[in-house]
Structure formats: structure tokens, C-alpha cells
Amino acid sequence: MSTYTQILYQIVFGSKDYTGFLNMENQGPLFGYIVGILRKRECHPYQVGGYGNHVHILTHISTTVTLADLVRDIKKASHEMMERDKGLFKLFPGWQVGYGAFTYNISMKPVLIKYIQNQEEHHRKVSFKEELTELLNENMISFKEEYLLV
């Protein structure tokens, strides 16, 4: 029998110390680079976006890739890319140590795509810390406040 899966992940991670580094000039190159990493790993990038100090990735992960390895590879490769193009990513301090990953039914894909596309508007009202806390609570994941955005 072949292997069949349909696990829709929203992956979220941010920059060290909440440092804002994304802007209209550099977010397209970063998001496009992440899409390339996902495709290279045979994952389907439904949407990559973010705002200010963090990134959201909506993807279906290949059956040959683990979540932890994928996130590690994305963070490492994107960090190296931003270091090479320091002029475009002057304020990038590095990524946080951890990440959040949440699974959804495939029927939620259009809602999540819109949510990620509307990050700038969303963050006029809600901080990244508030957003992450809400995602963790919605998914019934316990956490310690002091480790939330380290």
C-alpha cells in the first residue's frame, strides 16, 4: 500500500526579542525563499506570510519529512539567506529558538490562507505574543509564559 496523508499545518515562528525586521521591501523575497524550501522538500506551500517580527506557513508536509526537520531547515536556510543579503534584512536578529505548529482539517485551508494574507491588518489590533497565546489556547496547548517567545 502507498502512504496517504492530509495534514494541514500552520507553522509560526518569530524573530529574537520580538524585533521587527519585515517590511514591504523584504517580505516578498523572504516568503518566496521559504516557498522554495518547502517545494524542494516536496511540501505543498499553500500560503507563506507574516508581519513585522514573525512568519506563518500553511503547508501540507511530505510523508518523507518530519515537522521538526522541516522547521529547522527553513529557519537555518532563511537565516543564512538573510545574512547574505544584510542590506535588505538590516534589522534581522535571528530566529527564536522554538516554533508553534498547529494542525487543521483541510476544510479550513481557505480561512487560514485569508488569515495569513491579512496579517498586517490583524496586527493593528493584536500583538504577536497575543496571537501566539491565542493559537496555543485554541489548540489546548499548555505553555509557560516565560518561555513563550524565547
Protein backbone atom coordinates (compact mmCIF):
# COMPACT_ATOMS: atom_id res chain seq x y z
CA MET A 1 0.00 0.00 0.00
CA SER A 2 1.16 3.55 -0.65
CA THR A 3 1.29 6.21 2.04
CA TYR A 4 -1.52 8.78 2.10
CA THR A 5 -1.81 11.78 4.39
CA GLN A 6 -3.65 15.08 4.52
CA ILE A 7 -2.30 17.01 7.48
CA LEU A 8 -2.61 20.75 7.15
CA TYR A 9 -0.05 22.57 9.31
CA GLN A 10 0.15 26.20 10.30
CA ILE A 11 3.72 26.81 11.44
CA VAL A 12 4.56 30.03 13.27
CA PHE A 13 7.89 31.39 14.46
CA GLY A 14 9.34 34.79 15.14
CA SER A 15 12.49 36.79 15.50
CA LYS A 16 14.55 37.06 18.66
CA ASP A 17 13.32 39.61 21.20
CA TYR A 18 10.23 40.47 19.09
CA THR A 19 12.50 42.52 16.83
CA GLY A 20 10.60 43.88 13.86
CA PHE A 21 12.54 43.23 10.66
CA LEU A 22 9.95 42.53 7.97
CA ASN A 23 8.84 45.37 5.73
CA MET A 24 7.24 45.85 2.33
CA GLU A 25 10.65 45.65 0.64
CA ASN A 26 11.97 42.43 2.16
CA GLN A 27 8.98 40.27 2.99
CA GLY A 28 8.40 39.13 -0.61
CA PRO A 29 11.95 37.82 -1.03
CA LEU A 30 11.82 36.04 2.35
CA PHE A 31 8.40 34.47 1.79
CA GLY A 32 9.41 33.39 -1.72
CA TYR A 33 12.59 31.82 -0.37
CA ILE A 34 10.59 29.85 2.20
CA VAL A 35 8.21 28.66 -0.55
CA GLY A 36 11.27 27.40 -2.43
CA ILE A 37 12.48 25.46 0.61
CA LEU A 38 9.05 23.86 1.03
CA ARG A 39 8.91 22.83 -2.63
CA LYS A 40 12.44 21.43 -2.50
CA ARG A 41 11.37 19.27 0.45
CA GLU A 42 8.25 18.14 -1.51
CA CYS A 43 5.87 20.00 0.79
CA HIS A 44 2.95 21.99 -0.59
CA PRO A 45 3.18 25.70 0.33
CA TYR A 46 -0.44 26.86 0.46
CA GLN A 47 0.50 30.25 1.95
CA VAL A 48 3.55 31.91 3.48
CA GLY A 49 3.21 35.29 5.12
CA GLY A 50 3.69 37.23 8.30
CA TYR A 51 4.16 40.69 9.63
CA GLY A 52 6.82 42.68 11.45
CA ASN A 53 8.57 40.09 13.56
CA HIS A 54 7.15 36.69 12.64
CA VAL A 55 6.24 34.26 9.87
CA HIS A 56 3.23 31.99 9.26
CA ILE A 57 3.49 28.98 6.97
CA LEU A 58 0.47 26.99 5.82
CA THR A 59 1.62 23.72 4.30
CA HIS A 60 0.99 20.05 3.78
CA ILE A 61 4.17 18.20 4.74
CA SER A 62 5.61 15.45 2.58
CA THR A 63 5.42 11.95 4.05
CA THR A 64 9.22 11.77 3.91
CA VAL A 65 9.78 14.87 6.07
CA THR A 66 9.40 15.36 9.82
CA LEU A 67 7.97 18.59 11.17
CA ALA A 68 10.99 19.32 13.37
CA ASP A 69 13.44 18.75 10.50
CA LEU A 70 11.41 20.94 8.16
CA VAL A 71 11.21 23.86 10.59
CA ARG A 72 14.91 23.54 11.40
CA ASP A 73 15.78 23.58 7.70
CA ILE A 74 13.53 26.58 6.98
CA LYS A 75 14.92 28.61 9.87
CA LYS A 76 18.54 27.71 9.10
CA ALA A 77 18.36 28.33 5.35
CA SER A 78 16.34 31.54 5.65
CA HIS A 79 18.71 32.84 8.33
CA GLU A 80 21.67 32.19 6.04
CA MET A 81 19.87 33.88 3.12
CA MET A 82 19.14 36.98 5.21
CA GLU A 83 22.75 37.12 6.42
CA ARG A 84 23.94 37.07 2.81
CA ASP A 85 21.59 39.95 1.96
CA LYS A 86 22.21 42.07 5.06
CA GLY A 87 21.31 45.24 3.13
CA LEU A 88 17.73 44.04 2.73
CA PHE A 89 17.48 42.47 6.20
CA LYS A 90 19.41 45.02 8.29
CA LEU A 91 17.31 44.53 11.42
CA PHE A 92 17.08 40.72 11.42
CA PRO A 93 18.49 39.49 14.77
CA GLY A 94 18.00 35.76 14.17
CA TRP A 95 15.06 33.45 14.79
CA GLN A 96 13.62 32.48 18.13
CA VAL A 97 14.60 29.06 19.40
CA GLY A 98 11.16 27.46 19.19
CA TYR A 99 8.09 27.45 16.98
CA GLY A 100 4.39 26.71 17.07
CA ALA A 101 2.79 24.15 14.79
CA PHE A 102 -0.93 23.56 14.63
CA THR A 103 -2.94 21.06 12.59
CA TYR A 104 -6.26 21.75 10.91
CA ASN A 105 -8.86 19.96 8.85
CA ILE A 106 -8.30 20.58 5.13
CA SER A 107 -11.67 22.36 5.01
CA MET A 108 -10.04 25.22 6.99
CA LYS A 109 -7.50 25.92 4.22
CA PRO A 110 -9.32 28.92 2.66
CA VAL A 111 -9.89 30.52 6.08
CA LEU A 112 -6.24 30.07 7.06
CA ILE A 113 -4.97 31.40 3.73
CA LYS A 114 -7.02 34.55 4.23
CA TYR A 115 -5.85 34.83 7.84
CA ILE A 116 -2.20 34.70 6.78
CA GLN A 117 -2.75 37.11 3.89
CA ASN A 118 -4.31 39.62 6.31
CA GLN A 119 -1.51 39.65 8.89
CA GLU A 120 -0.79 43.36 8.58
CA GLU A 121 -4.40 44.29 9.30
CA HIS A 122 -4.67 41.67 12.06
CA HIS A 123 -1.63 43.06 13.86
CA ARG A 124 -3.02 46.57 14.02
CA LYS A 125 -5.14 45.18 16.88
CA VAL A 126 -3.23 42.17 18.21
CA SER A 127 0.47 41.71 19.07
CA PHE A 128 2.42 38.63 18.01
CA LYS A 129 2.54 37.49 21.64
CA GLU A 130 -1.25 37.80 21.92
CA GLU A 131 -1.71 35.97 18.63
CA LEU A 132 0.57 33.11 19.65
CA THR A 133 -1.10 32.83 23.06
CA GLU A 134 -4.49 32.64 21.34
CA LEU A 135 -3.28 29.91 18.93
CA LEU A 136 -1.88 27.88 21.82
CA ASN A 137 -5.08 28.24 23.85
CA GLU A 138 -7.32 27.40 20.88
CA ASN A 139 -5.31 24.23 20.34
CA MET A 140 -5.29 23.39 24.07
CA ILE A 141 -1.50 23.51 24.33
CA SER A 142 -0.19 24.36 27.78
CA PHE A 143 2.78 26.72 27.96
CA LYS A 144 4.83 28.76 30.38
CA GLU A 145 4.64 32.48 29.79
CA GLU A 146 8.39 33.00 30.41
CA TYR A 147 9.26 30.59 27.57
CA LEU A 148 6.66 31.79 25.12
CA LEU A 149 8.82 33.95 22.89
CA VAL A 150 12.38 32.97 23.73
